[in-house]
C-alpha atoms as a PDB file:
ATOM      1  CA  UNK A   1     -10.945  23.575 -30.362  1.00  0.00           C
ATOM      2  CA  UNK A   2     -13.421  20.653 -30.596  1.00  0.00           C
ATOM      3  CA  UNK A   3     -16.398  22.530 -29.310  1.00  0.00           C
ATOM      4  CA  UNK A   4     -15.906  25.332 -31.687  1.00  0.00           C
ATOM      5  CA  UNK A   5     -15.924  22.840 -34.446  1.00  0.00           C
ATOM      6  CA  UNK A   6     -19.097  21.118 -33.326  1.00  0.00           C
ATOM      7  CA  UNK A   7     -20.696  24.726 -32.820  1.00  0.00           C
ATOM      8  CA  UNK A   8     -19.675  25.755 -36.426  1.00  0.00           C
ATOM      9  CA  UNK A   9     -21.342  22.427 -37.803  1.00  0.00           C
ATOM     10  CA  UNK A  10     -24.478  22.860 -35.600  1.00  0.00           C
ATOM     11  CA  UNK A  11     -24.936  26.316 -37.013  1.00  0.00           C
ATOM     12  CA  UNK A  12     -24.271  25.351 -40.637  1.00  0.00           C
ATOM     13  CA  UNK A  13     -26.344  22.262 -40.557  1.00  0.00           C
ATOM     14  CA  UNK A  14     -29.377  23.030 -38.433  1.00  0.00           C
ATOM     15  CA  UNK A  15     -30.660  20.879 -35.624  1.00  0.00           C
ATOM     16  CA  UNK A  16     -32.477  18.239 -37.829  1.00  0.00           C
ATOM     17  CA  UNK A  17     -29.257  17.690 -40.172  1.00  0.00           C
ATOM     18  CA  UNK A  18     -26.875  17.825 -37.306  1.00  0.00           C
ATOM     19  CA  UNK A  19     -28.722  15.057 -35.368  1.00  0.00           C
ATOM     20  CA  UNK A  20     -29.109  12.793 -38.549  1.00  0.00           C
ATOM     21  CA  UNK A  21     -25.564  12.197 -38.408  1.00  0.00           C
ATOM     22  CA  UNK A  22     -24.593   9.687 -35.649  1.00  0.00           C
ATOM     23  CA  UNK A  23     -20.865  11.123 -35.701  1.00  0.00           C
ATOM     24  CA  UNK A  24     -22.097  14.604 -34.691  1.00  0.00           C
ATOM     25  CA  UNK A  25     -23.713  13.120 -31.593  1.00  0.00           C
ATOM     26  CA  UNK A  26     -20.620  11.146 -30.696  1.00  0.00           C
ATOM     27  CA  UNK A  27     -18.498  14.350 -31.163  1.00  0.00           C
ATOM     28  CA  UNK A  28     -20.625  16.072 -28.921  1.00  0.00           C
ATOM     29  CA  UNK A  29     -20.371  13.572 -26.190  1.00  0.00           C
ATOM     30  CA  UNK A  30     -16.699  13.221 -26.486  1.00  0.00           C
ATOM     31  CA  UNK A  31     -16.071  17.019 -26.761  1.00  0.00           C
ATOM     32  CA  UNK A  32     -18.299  17.777 -23.726  1.00  0.00           C
ATOM     33  CA  UNK A  33     -16.818  14.944 -21.542  1.00  0.00           C
ATOM     34  CA  UNK A  34     -13.236  15.769 -22.578  1.00  0.00           C
ATOM     35  CA  UNK A  35     -13.817  19.559 -21.560  1.00  0.00           C
ATOM     36  CA  UNK A  36     -15.408  18.665 -18.377  1.00  0.00           C
ATOM     37  CA  UNK A  37     -12.955  16.169 -17.110  1.00  0.00           C
ATOM     38  CA  UNK A  38     -10.064  18.534 -18.241  1.00  0.00           C
ATOM     39  CA  UNK A  39     -11.405  21.469 -16.331  1.00  0.00           C
ATOM     40  CA  UNK A  40     -11.970  19.320 -13.424  1.00  0.00           C
ATOM     41  CA  UNK A  41      -8.421  18.089 -13.345  1.00  0.00           C
ATOM     42  CA  UNK A  42      -7.029  21.598 -13.765  1.00  0.00           C
ATOM     43  CA  UNK A  43      -9.308  22.705 -10.871  1.00  0.00           C
ATOM     44  CA  UNK A  44      -7.610  20.155  -8.698  1.00  0.00           C
ATOM     45  CA  UNK A  45     -10.307  17.296  -8.397  1.00  0.00           C
ATOM     46  CA  UNK A  46      -8.465  14.216  -8.760  1.00  0.00           C
ATOM     47  CA  UNK A  47      -9.416  10.655  -8.341  1.00  0.00           C
ATOM     48  CA  UNK A  48      -9.362   7.229 -10.063  1.00  0.00           C
ATOM     49  CA  UNK A  49     -12.917   7.806 -11.770  1.00  0.00           C
ATOM     50  CA  UNK A  50     -11.868  11.168 -13.159  1.00  0.00           C
ATOM     51  CA  UNK A  51      -8.545  10.204 -14.390  1.00  0.00           C
ATOM     52  CA  UNK A  52     -10.065   7.129 -16.241  1.00  0.00           C
ATOM     53  CA  UNK A  53     -12.945   9.295 -17.725  1.00  0.00           C
ATOM     54  CA  UNK A  54     -10.471  11.774 -18.776  1.00  0.00           C
ATOM     55  CA  UNK A  55      -8.259   9.021 -20.421  1.00  0.00           C
ATOM     56  CA  UNK A  56     -11.603   7.486 -22.092  1.00  0.00           C
ATOM     57  CA  UNK A  57     -12.551  10.882 -23.520  1.00  0.00           C
ATOM     58  CA  UNK A  58      -9.176  11.735 -24.865  1.00  0.00           C
ATOM     59  CA  UNK A  59      -8.696   8.627 -26.571  1.00  0.00           C
ATOM     60  CA  UNK A  60     -12.085   8.795 -28.062  1.00  0.00           C
ATOM     61  CA  UNK A  61     -11.026  12.027 -29.786  1.00  0.00           C
ATOM     62  CA  UNK A  62      -8.819   9.783 -32.074  1.00  0.00           C
ATOM     63  CA  UNK A  63     -11.966   8.276 -33.453  1.00  0.00           C
ATOM     64  CA  UNK A  64     -12.934  11.632 -34.895  1.00  0.00           C
ATOM     65  CA  UNK A  65     -10.375  10.777 -37.498  1.00  0.00           C
ATOM     66  CA  UNK A  66     -12.156   7.503 -38.526  1.00  0.00           C
ATOM     67  CA  UNK A  67     -15.043   9.663 -39.992  1.00  0.00           C
ATOM     68  CA  UNK A  68     -12.392  11.338 -42.320  1.00  0.00           C
ATOM     69  CA  UNK A  69     -10.312   8.232 -42.939  1.00  0.00           C
ATOM     70  CA  UNK A  70     -11.828   7.613 -46.530  1.00  0.00           C
ATOM     71  CA  UNK A  71     -10.901  11.086 -47.707  1.00  0.00           C
ATOM     72  CA  UNK A  72      -7.402  10.483 -46.365  1.00  0.00           C
ATOM     73  CA  UNK A  73      -6.995   7.313 -48.153  1.00  0.00           C
ATOM     74  CA  UNK A  74      -8.226   8.869 -51.329  1.00  0.00           C
ATOM     75  CA  UNK A  75      -5.631  11.706 -50.913  1.00  0.00           C
ATOM     76  CA  UNK A  76      -3.014   9.157 -50.554  1.00  0.00           C
ATOM     77  CA  UNK A  77      -3.937   7.099 -53.637  1.00  0.00           C
ATOM     78  CA  UNK A  78      -4.165  10.136 -55.498  1.00  0.00           C
ATOM     79  CA  UNK A  79      -0.704  11.092 -54.454  1.00  0.00           C
ATOM     80  CA  UNK A  80       0.587   7.631 -55.308  1.00  0.00           C
ATOM     81  CA  UNK A  81      -0.957   7.900 -58.783  1.00  0.00           C
ATOM     82  CA  UNK A  82       0.409  11.244 -59.549  1.00  0.00           C
ATOM     83  CA  UNK A  83       3.927  10.359 -58.512  1.00  0.00           C
ATOM     84  CA  UNK A  84       3.783   7.140 -60.617  1.00  0.00           C
ATOM     85  CA  UNK A  85       2.650   9.321 -63.565  1.00  0.00           C
ATOM     86  CA  UNK A  86       5.413  11.729 -63.140  1.00  0.00           C
ATOM     87  CA  UNK A  87       7.790   8.962 -62.820  1.00  0.00           C
ATOM     88  CA  UNK A  88       6.609   7.225 -66.036  1.00  0.00           C
ATOM     89  CA  UNK A  89       6.765  10.464 -67.882  1.00  0.00           C
ATOM     90  CA  UNK A  90      10.341  10.969 -66.663  1.00  0.00           C
ATOM     91  CA  UNK A  91      11.366   7.467 -67.732  1.00  0.00           C
ATOM     92  CA  UNK A  92       9.869   7.928 -71.205  1.00  0.00           C
ATOM     93  CA  UNK A  93      10.845  11.315 -72.067  1.00  0.00           C
ATOM     94  CA  UNK A  94      14.291  11.441 -70.476  1.00  0.00           C
ATOM     95  CA  UNK A  95      15.682   8.299 -71.872  1.00  0.00           C
END
């Protein structure tokens, strides 16, 4: 799924725009590492190093949310404002 996301962004942005954003390079490293370590574990290759690398890459996937965190904050703030306005309207017009 992450590899598909990267391929879509790469095709949409082109190489120069894609590599200009550091988050895109981070996504490539994390998605590739996650894919390779997951495949190696599924095939049966196990060991301390592979297990630790898989944990590192899978936890790094969570950092993908950081790049979108500002948008999430805006969404929640907007929802709070809309709820507050609806409550104010209810208080003013229903009392």
